[in-house]
């Protein structure tokens, strides 16, 4: 089965996809939007995207794409993230001036850069792609920050292992499908909703869940593209597709301008 991911083979998205869909064929994409394009065009049946990191927070581009595109979250998966400093064979740590990686990964290694001020954090489109770039271009003063698997794939040398700030570093991934399909024992729902900018609007929305004793495990807001200073709320609540949840969503649609169910899936 083909699975689209953003990033190179050897990336953390690649690792998550292999664990969520054993034996799958990975289709790497350079841009996140391309992952959604392939899924919406039915060129792949499944996509896997990172949505949140326990240190760096949400992947906001993917939140925006989940709202804009016609896809459905079917599964949730948490991957332990270990960042490694990887360079070409023969390069030493003392040679380094640059360290490339995805901005989210760089943000998870702040302590490393604070202690190694001579090495400049340099954003790159992908973690594994940063290692590929360093190795293929023959850079002798640069390294990539990525997984151990990336070092193996691109024949790099790990100079330092486990340079993330916190060893309890996890990234949450979503498995997406084109059409709504709810797995057995699904007990968690992700939604997006918009509200009028009037007093008490958010209170009324949250009361929909409080009155039914439904626990919200997450809520945050994002700006609405093309509508300055207007926001959409993203929330996860701990119910599946049952009578109580359907009643809450029905009432939420009364007080909200827009409600979109992004997915219903088993909680990890």
C-alpha atoms as a PDB file:
ATOM      1  CA  UNK A   1       0.000   0.000   0.000  1.00  0.00           C
ATOM      2  CA  UNK A   2       1.316   3.453  -0.931  1.00  0.00           C
ATOM      3  CA  UNK A   3       1.638   6.066   1.820  1.00  0.00           C
ATOM      4  CA  UNK A   4       2.472   9.720   1.110  1.00  0.00           C
ATOM      5  CA  UNK A   5       4.708  11.591   3.552  1.00  0.00           C
ATOM      6  CA  UNK A   6       6.405  14.977   3.594  1.00  0.00           C
ATOM      7  CA  UNK A   7      10.162  14.498   3.575  1.00  0.00           C
ATOM      8  CA  UNK A   8      12.849  12.087   2.479  1.00  0.00           C
ATOM      9  CA  UNK A   9      13.231   8.396   3.177  1.00  0.00           C
ATOM     10  CA  UNK A  10      14.779   8.154   6.617  1.00  0.00           C
ATOM     11  CA  UNK A  11      12.721  11.028   8.030  1.00  0.00           C
ATOM     12  CA  UNK A  12      10.653  10.731  11.194  1.00  0.00           C
ATOM     13  CA  UNK A  13       7.501  10.782   9.040  1.00  0.00           C
ATOM     14  CA  UNK A  14       8.932   7.796   7.172  1.00  0.00           C
ATOM     15  CA  UNK A  15       9.499   5.964  10.463  1.00  0.00           C
ATOM     16  CA  UNK A  16       5.963   6.752  11.668  1.00  0.00           C
ATOM     17  CA  UNK A  17       4.459   5.535   8.389  1.00  0.00           C
ATOM     18  CA  UNK A  18       6.408   2.254   8.550  1.00  0.00           C
ATOM     19  CA  UNK A  19       5.132   1.621  12.073  1.00  0.00           C
ATOM     20  CA  UNK A  20       1.526   2.600  11.351  1.00  0.00           C
ATOM     21  CA  UNK A  21       1.314   0.712   8.028  1.00  0.00           C
ATOM     22  CA  UNK A  22       3.856  -2.159   8.096  1.00  0.00           C
ATOM     23  CA  UNK A  23       5.124  -3.137   4.662  1.00  0.00           C
ATOM     24  CA  UNK A  24       3.914   0.068   3.016  1.00  0.00           C
ATOM     25  CA  UNK A  25       5.547   1.723   0.003  1.00  0.00           C
ATOM     26  CA  UNK A  26       6.591   5.267   0.923  1.00  0.00           C
ATOM     27  CA  UNK A  27       5.895   8.116  -1.517  1.00  0.00           C
ATOM     28  CA  UNK A  28       8.102  11.045  -0.333  1.00  0.00           C
ATOM     29  CA  UNK A  29       6.900  14.588  -1.107  1.00  0.00           C
ATOM     30  CA  UNK A  30       8.926  17.790  -1.006  1.00  0.00           C
ATOM     31  CA  UNK A  31       6.010  19.929   0.229  1.00  0.00           C
ATOM     32  CA  UNK A  32       3.233  19.279   2.715  1.00  0.00           C
ATOM     33  CA  UNK A  33       0.598  20.495   0.236  1.00  0.00           C
ATOM     34  CA  UNK A  34       1.775  17.816  -2.202  1.00  0.00           C
ATOM     35  CA  UNK A  35       0.914  15.119   0.348  1.00  0.00           C
ATOM     36  CA  UNK A  36      -2.660  16.391   0.500  1.00  0.00           C
ATOM     37  CA  UNK A  37      -2.784  16.788  -3.302  1.00  0.00           C
ATOM     38  CA  UNK A  38      -1.891  13.123  -3.820  1.00  0.00           C
ATOM     39  CA  UNK A  39      -4.448  11.985  -1.263  1.00  0.00           C
ATOM     40  CA  UNK A  40      -7.291  14.120  -2.638  1.00  0.00           C
ATOM     41  CA  UNK A  41      -6.519  12.956  -6.186  1.00  0.00           C
ATOM     42  CA  UNK A  42      -6.685   9.297  -5.037  1.00  0.00           C
ATOM     43  CA  UNK A  43      -3.088   8.742  -6.176  1.00  0.00           C
ATOM     44  CA  UNK A  44      -2.353   7.296  -2.723  1.00  0.00           C
ATOM     45  CA  UNK A  45      -4.903   5.755  -0.338  1.00  0.00           C
ATOM     46  CA  UNK A  46      -3.170   6.961   2.845  1.00  0.00           C
ATOM     47  CA  UNK A  47      -1.002   9.830   4.042  1.00  0.00           C
ATOM     48  CA  UNK A  48       0.921  10.264   7.294  1.00  0.00           C
ATOM     49  CA  UNK A  49       1.673  13.745   8.654  1.00  0.00           C
ATOM     50  CA  UNK A  50       3.191  15.097  11.889  1.00  0.00           C
ATOM     51  CA  UNK A  51       0.713  17.332  13.694  1.00  0.00           C
ATOM     52  CA  UNK A  52       2.252  18.135  17.077  1.00  0.00           C
ATOM     53  CA  UNK A  53       5.485  17.823  19.034  1.00  0.00           C
ATOM     54  CA  UNK A  54       5.634  17.597  22.813  1.00  0.00           C
ATOM     55  CA  UNK A  55       8.391  20.254  22.938  1.00  0.00           C
ATOM     56  CA  UNK A  56       7.825  22.518  19.915  1.00  0.00           C
ATOM     57  CA  UNK A  57       4.011  22.423  19.772  1.00  0.00           C
ATOM     58  CA  UNK A  58       1.701  22.152  16.772  1.00  0.00           C
ATOM     59  CA  UNK A  59       2.706  21.928  13.113  1.00  0.00           C
ATOM     60  CA  UNK A  60       0.580  24.893  12.080  1.00  0.00           C
ATOM     61  CA  UNK A  61       0.826  24.353   8.310  1.00  0.00           C
ATOM     62  CA  UNK A  62      -0.710  20.915   8.714  1.00  0.00           C
ATOM     63  CA  UNK A  63      -3.491  22.277  10.911  1.00  0.00           C
ATOM     64  CA  UNK A  64      -4.355  24.765   8.161  1.00  0.00           C
ATOM     65  CA  UNK A  65      -4.301  22.020   5.530  1.00  0.00           C
ATOM     66  CA  UNK A  66      -6.562  19.751   7.589  1.00  0.00           C
ATOM     67  CA  UNK A  67      -9.113  22.548   7.680  1.00  0.00           C
ATOM     68  CA  UNK A  68      -8.816  23.435   4.002  1.00  0.00           C
ATOM     69  CA  UNK A  69      -8.687  19.952   2.464  1.00  0.00           C
ATOM     70  CA  UNK A  70     -11.210  17.135   2.172  1.00  0.00           C
ATOM     71  CA  UNK A  71      -9.452  14.429   4.222  1.00  0.00           C
ATOM     72  CA  UNK A  72     -10.223  12.456   7.389  1.00  0.00           C
ATOM     73  CA  UNK A  73      -8.045  11.466  10.364  1.00  0.00           C
ATOM     74  CA  UNK A  74      -8.274   7.722  10.976  1.00  0.00           C
ATOM     75  CA  UNK A  75      -5.426   7.042  13.401  1.00  0.00           C
ATOM     76  CA  UNK A  76      -3.218   8.781  15.932  1.00  0.00           C
ATOM     77  CA  UNK A  77       0.373   7.690  16.670  1.00  0.00           C
ATOM     78  CA  UNK A  78       3.098   8.976  19.020  1.00  0.00           C
ATOM     79  CA  UNK A  79       6.732   8.517  17.957  1.00  0.00           C
ATOM     80  CA  UNK A  80       9.674   8.976  20.344  1.00  0.00           C
ATOM     81  CA  UNK A  81      12.035  11.461  18.696  1.00  0.00           C
ATOM     82  CA  UNK A  82      15.820  11.152  19.088  1.00  0.00           C
ATOM     83  CA  UNK A  83      17.839  13.806  17.248  1.00  0.00           C
ATOM     84  CA  UNK A  84      21.380  13.056  16.129  1.00  0.00           C
ATOM     85  CA  UNK A  85      24.111  15.321  14.758  1.00  0.00           C
ATOM     86  CA  UNK A  86      25.150  13.663  11.481  1.00  0.00           C
ATOM     87  CA  UNK A  87      28.006  14.643   9.168  1.00  0.00           C
ATOM     88  CA  UNK A  88      29.992  13.174   6.292  1.00  0.00           C
ATOM     89  CA  UNK A  89      32.579  10.504   7.205  1.00  0.00           C
ATOM     90  CA  UNK A  90      35.805  12.097   8.400  1.00  0.00           C
ATOM     91  CA  UNK A  91      34.198  15.354   9.547  1.00  0.00           C
ATOM     92  CA  UNK A  92      34.694  16.200  13.231  1.00  0.00           C
ATOM     93  CA  UNK A  93      32.458  18.239  15.506  1.00  0.00           C
ATOM     94  CA  UNK A  94      35.170  20.903  15.748  1.00  0.00           C
ATOM     95  CA  UNK A  95      34.918  21.385  11.943  1.00  0.00           C
ATOM     96  CA  UNK A  96      31.257  22.403  12.046  1.00  0.00           C
ATOM     97  CA  UNK A  97      29.905  25.890  11.410  1.00  0.00           C
ATOM     98  CA  UNK A  98      26.373  24.947  10.315  1.00  0.00           C
ATOM     99  CA  UNK A  99      23.733  22.426  11.383  1.00  0.00           C
ATOM    100  CA  UNK A 100      20.815  21.943   9.001  1.00  0.00           C
ATOM    101  CA  UNK A 101      17.405  20.539   9.887  1.00  0.00           C
ATOM    102  CA  UNK A 102      13.685  21.175   9.788  1.00  0.00           C
ATOM    103  CA  UNK A 103      12.760  24.267  11.873  1.00  0.00           C
ATOM    104  CA  UNK A 104      10.694  22.154  14.278  1.00  0.00           C
ATOM    105  CA  UNK A 105      13.672  19.858  14.891  1.00  0.00           C
ATOM    106  CA  UNK A 106      15.998  22.821  15.421  1.00  0.00           C
ATOM    107  CA  UNK A 107      13.549  24.208  17.968  1.00  0.00           C
ATOM    108  CA  UNK A 108      13.793  20.928  19.894  1.00  0.00           C
ATOM    109  CA  UNK A 109      17.596  21.300  20.179  1.00  0.00           C
ATOM    110  CA  UNK A 110      17.895  24.794  21.677  1.00  0.00           C
ATOM    111  CA  UNK A 111      20.166  23.657  24.504  1.00  0.00           C
ATOM    112  CA  UNK A 112      22.631  22.130  22.041  1.00  0.00           C
ATOM    113  CA  UNK A 113      22.952  25.395  20.096  1.00  0.00           C
ATOM    114  CA  UNK A 114      23.211  27.397  23.314  1.00  0.00           C
ATOM    115  CA  UNK A 115      26.178  25.282  24.395  1.00  0.00           C
ATOM    116  CA  UNK A 116      27.721  25.242  20.894  1.00  0.00           C
ATOM    117  CA  UNK A 117      27.473  28.877  19.817  1.00  0.00           C
ATOM    118  CA  UNK A 118      29.952  28.361  16.977  1.00  0.00           C
ATOM    119  CA  UNK A 119      27.449  26.128  15.178  1.00  0.00           C
ATOM    120  CA  UNK A 120      24.632  28.017  13.472  1.00  0.00           C
ATOM    121  CA  UNK A 121      21.154  26.485  13.362  1.00  0.00           C
ATOM    122  CA  UNK A 122      20.116  26.549   9.691  1.00  0.00           C
ATOM    123  CA  UNK A 123      16.540  25.720   8.620  1.00  0.00           C
ATOM    124  CA  UNK A 124      16.063  23.053   5.958  1.00  0.00           C
ATOM    125  CA  UNK A 125      12.907  21.531   4.463  1.00  0.00           C
ATOM    126  CA  UNK A 126      13.319  18.117   6.130  1.00  0.00           C
ATOM    127  CA  UNK A 127      15.349  16.344   8.813  1.00  0.00           C
ATOM    128  CA  UNK A 128      16.538  13.423   6.689  1.00  0.00           C
ATOM    129  CA  UNK A 129      16.834  15.753   3.701  1.00  0.00           C
ATOM    130  CA  UNK A 130      19.351  17.839   5.630  1.00  0.00           C
ATOM    131  CA  UNK A 131      21.621  14.801   5.999  1.00  0.00           C
ATOM    132  CA  UNK A 132      21.186  13.941   2.324  1.00  0.00           C
ATOM    133  CA  UNK A 133      22.151  17.512   1.395  1.00  0.00           C
ATOM    134  CA  UNK A 134      25.271  17.546   3.581  1.00  0.00           C
ATOM    135  CA  UNK A 135      26.492  14.157   2.324  1.00  0.00           C
ATOM    136  CA  UNK A 136      25.701  14.608  -1.381  1.00  0.00           C
ATOM    137  CA  UNK A 137      27.228  18.094  -1.592  1.00  0.00           C
ATOM    138  CA  UNK A 138      30.350  16.994   0.289  1.00  0.00           C
ATOM    139  CA  UNK A 139      30.136  19.730   2.927  1.00  0.00           C
ATOM    140  CA  UNK A 140      32.994  19.522   5.410  1.00  0.00           C
ATOM    141  CA  UNK A 141      31.814  22.252   7.797  1.00  0.00           C
ATOM    142  CA  UNK A 142      28.168  21.239   8.173  1.00  0.00           C
ATOM    143  CA  UNK A 143      25.970  18.520   9.643  1.00  0.00           C
ATOM    144  CA  UNK A 144      22.331  17.554   9.565  1.00  0.00           C
ATOM    145  CA  UNK A 145      20.115  16.838  12.556  1.00  0.00           C
ATOM    146  CA  UNK A 146      17.992  13.770  11.979  1.00  0.00           C
ATOM    147  CA  UNK A 147      17.243  10.193  12.969  1.00  0.00           C
ATOM    148  CA  UNK A 148      19.705   7.312  13.224  1.00  0.00           C
ATOM    149  CA  UNK A 149      17.896   5.760  10.265  1.00  0.00           C
ATOM    150  CA  UNK A 150      18.734   8.837   8.147  1.00  0.00           C
ATOM    151  CA  UNK A 151      22.410   8.355   8.941  1.00  0.00           C
ATOM    152  CA  UNK A 152      22.140   4.761   7.753  1.00  0.00           C
ATOM    153  CA  UNK A 153      20.230   5.614   4.555  1.00  0.00           C
ATOM    154  CA  UNK A 154      22.608   8.398   3.452  1.00  0.00           C
ATOM    155  CA  UNK A 155      25.855   6.900   4.833  1.00  0.00           C
ATOM    156  CA  UNK A 156      26.501   9.667   7.327  1.00  0.00           C
ATOM    157  CA  UNK A 157      28.422   9.523  10.607  1.00  0.00           C
ATOM    158  CA  UNK A 158      26.718  10.302  13.919  1.00  0.00           C
ATOM    159  CA  UNK A 159      28.888  12.803  15.796  1.00  0.00           C
ATOM    160  CA  UNK A 160      26.511  13.204  18.749  1.00  0.00           C
ATOM    161  CA  UNK A 161      23.402  11.197  19.598  1.00  0.00           C
ATOM    162  CA  UNK A 162      20.357  12.366  21.518  1.00  0.00           C
ATOM    163  CA  UNK A 163      20.875  16.148  21.308  1.00  0.00           C
ATOM    164  CA  UNK A 164      17.172  16.975  21.850  1.00  0.00           C
ATOM    165  CA  UNK A 165      16.459  19.178  24.891  1.00  0.00           C
ATOM    166  CA  UNK A 166      14.177  16.692  26.632  1.00  0.00           C
ATOM    167  CA  UNK A 167      14.346  12.911  26.417  1.00  0.00           C
ATOM    168  CA  UNK A 168      10.548  12.823  26.707  1.00  0.00           C
ATOM    169  CA  UNK A 169      10.336  14.193  23.181  1.00  0.00           C
ATOM    170  CA  UNK A 170       7.443  12.799  21.156  1.00  0.00           C
ATOM    171  CA  UNK A 171       5.830  13.750  17.869  1.00  0.00           C
ATOM    172  CA  UNK A 172       2.179  13.011  17.263  1.00  0.00           C
ATOM    173  CA  UNK A 173       1.302  11.784  13.766  1.00  0.00           C
ATOM    174  CA  UNK A 174      -2.029  11.456  11.979  1.00  0.00           C
ATOM    175  CA  UNK A 175      -2.904   8.785   9.436  1.00  0.00           C
ATOM    176  CA  UNK A 176      -5.205  10.377   6.858  1.00  0.00           C
ATOM    177  CA  UNK A 177      -7.622   8.915   4.344  1.00  0.00           C
ATOM    178  CA  UNK A 178      -9.629  10.543   1.589  1.00  0.00           C
ATOM    179  CA  UNK A 179     -12.987   9.288   2.843  1.00  0.00           C
ATOM    180  CA  UNK A 180     -14.441   9.008   6.319  1.00  0.00           C
ATOM    181  CA  UNK A 181     -13.710   5.617   7.843  1.00  0.00           C
ATOM    182  CA  UNK A 182     -13.996   5.113  11.607  1.00  0.00           C
ATOM    183  CA  UNK A 183     -12.037   2.281  13.199  1.00  0.00           C
ATOM    184  CA  UNK A 184     -13.462   0.060  15.948  1.00  0.00           C
ATOM    185  CA  UNK A 185     -13.004   1.458  19.484  1.00  0.00           C
ATOM    186  CA  UNK A 186     -12.600   5.013  18.163  1.00  0.00           C
ATOM    187  CA  UNK A 187     -12.927   7.222  21.251  1.00  0.00           C
ATOM    188  CA  UNK A 188     -11.334  10.541  20.306  1.00  0.00           C
ATOM    189  CA  UNK A 189     -12.524  13.288  17.949  1.00  0.00           C
ATOM    190  CA  UNK A 190     -10.670  16.230  16.375  1.00  0.00           C
ATOM    191  CA  UNK A 191     -12.708  19.226  15.221  1.00  0.00           C
ATOM    192  CA  UNK A 192     -12.294  22.792  13.984  1.00  0.00           C
ATOM    193  CA  UNK A 193     -14.870  25.498  14.621  1.00  0.00           C
ATOM    194  CA  UNK A 194     -15.262  29.225  14.034  1.00  0.00           C
ATOM    195  CA  UNK A 195     -17.088  31.754  16.225  1.00  0.00           C
ATOM    196  CA  UNK A 196     -18.394  35.274  15.878  1.00  0.00           C
ATOM    197  CA  UNK A 197     -16.275  37.870  17.705  1.00  0.00           C
ATOM    198  CA  UNK A 198     -18.930  38.650  20.317  1.00  0.00           C
ATOM    199  CA  UNK A 199     -18.847  38.457  24.142  1.00  0.00           C
ATOM    200  CA  UNK A 200     -19.353  34.946  25.502  1.00  0.00           C
ATOM    201  CA  UNK A 201     -19.024  33.132  22.176  1.00  0.00           C
ATOM    202  CA  UNK A 202     -16.192  30.838  23.304  1.00  0.00           C
ATOM    203  CA  UNK A 203     -17.891  30.256  26.661  1.00  0.00           C
ATOM    204  CA  UNK A 204     -21.046  29.063  24.883  1.00  0.00           C
ATOM    205  CA  UNK A 205     -19.009  26.759  22.650  1.00  0.00           C
ATOM    206  CA  UNK A 206     -17.103  25.172  25.519  1.00  0.00           C
ATOM    207  CA  UNK A 207     -20.254  24.805  27.590  1.00  0.00           C
ATOM    208  CA  UNK A 208     -21.563  22.423  24.919  1.00  0.00           C
ATOM    209  CA  UNK A 209     -18.938  19.940  26.117  1.00  0.00           C
ATOM    210  CA  UNK A 210     -18.961  20.831  29.820  1.00  0.00           C
ATOM    211  CA  UNK A 211     -22.729  20.278  30.096  1.00  0.00           C
ATOM    212  CA  UNK A 212     -22.235  16.739  28.769  1.00  0.00           C
ATOM    213  CA  UNK A 213     -19.124  15.958  30.865  1.00  0.00           C
ATOM    214  CA  UNK A 214     -17.054  15.568  27.698  1.00  0.00           C
ATOM    215  CA  UNK A 215     -13.351  16.135  28.314  1.00  0.00           C
ATOM    216  CA  UNK A 216     -11.443  18.420  25.949  1.00  0.00           C
ATOM    217  CA  UNK A 217      -7.863  17.128  25.758  1.00  0.00           C
ATOM    218  CA  UNK A 218      -6.678  20.051  23.623  1.00  0.00           C
ATOM    219  CA  UNK A 219      -7.822  23.424  22.299  1.00  0.00           C
ATOM    220  CA  UNK A 220      -5.935  26.150  20.441  1.00  0.00           C
ATOM    221  CA  UNK A 221      -6.648  28.874  17.909  1.00  0.00           C
ATOM    222  CA  UNK A 222      -5.206  29.703  14.489  1.00  0.00           C
ATOM    223  CA  UNK A 223      -5.658  32.787  12.276  1.00  0.00           C
ATOM    224  CA  UNK A 224      -8.051  32.373   9.348  1.00  0.00           C
ATOM    225  CA  UNK A 225      -6.245  32.976   6.053  1.00  0.00           C
ATOM    226  CA  UNK A 226      -7.615  35.993   4.191  1.00  0.00           C
ATOM    227  CA  UNK A 227      -9.555  37.253   7.201  1.00  0.00           C
ATOM    228  CA  UNK A 228      -7.201  39.315   9.416  1.00  0.00           C
ATOM    229  CA  UNK A 229      -7.787  39.082  13.189  1.00  0.00           C
ATOM    230  CA  UNK A 230     -10.324  36.277  12.835  1.00  0.00           C
ATOM    231  CA  UNK A 231      -9.556  32.844  14.244  1.00  0.00           C
ATOM    232  CA  UNK A 232     -10.588  29.207  14.046  1.00  0.00           C
ATOM    233  CA  UNK A 233     -10.400  26.923  17.090  1.00  0.00           C
ATOM    234  CA  UNK A 234      -9.010  23.397  16.925  1.00  0.00           C
ATOM    235  CA  UNK A 235     -10.080  20.988  19.648  1.00  0.00           C
ATOM    236  CA  UNK A 236      -9.763  17.314  20.567  1.00  0.00           C
ATOM    237  CA  UNK A 237     -12.373  15.720  22.792  1.00  0.00           C
ATOM    238  CA  UNK A 238     -12.492  12.267  24.315  1.00  0.00           C
ATOM    239  CA  UNK A 239     -15.556  10.713  22.709  1.00  0.00           C
ATOM    240  CA  UNK A 240     -16.082   8.715  19.540  1.00  0.00           C
ATOM    241  CA  UNK A 241     -19.031   8.649  17.175  1.00  0.00           C
ATOM    242  CA  UNK A 242     -21.716   8.110  19.831  1.00  0.00           C
ATOM    243  CA  UNK A 243     -25.006   9.727  20.809  1.00  0.00           C
ATOM    244  CA  UNK A 244     -23.416  12.071  23.360  1.00  0.00           C
ATOM    245  CA  UNK A 245     -20.774  13.315  20.907  1.00  0.00           C
ATOM    246  CA  UNK A 246     -23.289  13.764  18.104  1.00  0.00           C
ATOM    247  CA  UNK A 247     -25.499  15.785  20.447  1.00  0.00           C
ATOM    248  CA  UNK A 248     -22.571  18.023  21.396  1.00  0.00           C
ATOM    249  CA  UNK A 249     -21.670  18.647  17.769  1.00  0.00           C
ATOM    250  CA  UNK A 250     -25.284  19.398  16.912  1.00  0.00           C
ATOM    251  CA  UNK A 251     -25.447  22.016  19.674  1.00  0.00           C
ATOM    252  CA  UNK A 252     -22.035  23.403  18.715  1.00  0.00           C
ATOM    253  CA  UNK A 253     -23.339  24.057  15.198  1.00  0.00           C
ATOM    254  CA  UNK A 254     -26.059  26.233  16.753  1.00  0.00           C
ATOM    255  CA  UNK A 255     -23.557  28.579  18.445  1.00  0.00           C
ATOM    256  CA  UNK A 256     -20.682  28.387  15.918  1.00  0.00           C
ATOM    257  CA  UNK A 257     -20.340  29.842  12.427  1.00  0.00           C
ATOM    258  CA  UNK A 258     -18.539  26.735  11.179  1.00  0.00           C
ATOM    259  CA  UNK A 259     -17.868  23.242  12.491  1.00  0.00           C
ATOM    260  CA  UNK A 260     -15.725  20.624  10.726  1.00  0.00           C
ATOM    261  CA  UNK A 261     -15.057  17.142  12.070  1.00  0.00           C
ATOM    262  CA  UNK A 262     -11.441  16.446  11.140  1.00  0.00           C
ATOM    263  CA  UNK A 263     -11.367  12.869  12.371  1.00  0.00           C
ATOM    264  CA  UNK A 264     -12.642  10.230  14.787  1.00  0.00           C
ATOM    265  CA  UNK A 265     -10.071   7.657  15.903  1.00  0.00           C
ATOM    266  CA  UNK A 266      -8.810   5.478  18.780  1.00  0.00           C
ATOM    267  CA  UNK A 267      -6.920   7.503  21.397  1.00  0.00           C
ATOM    268  CA  UNK A 268      -3.281   6.499  21.950  1.00  0.00           C
END
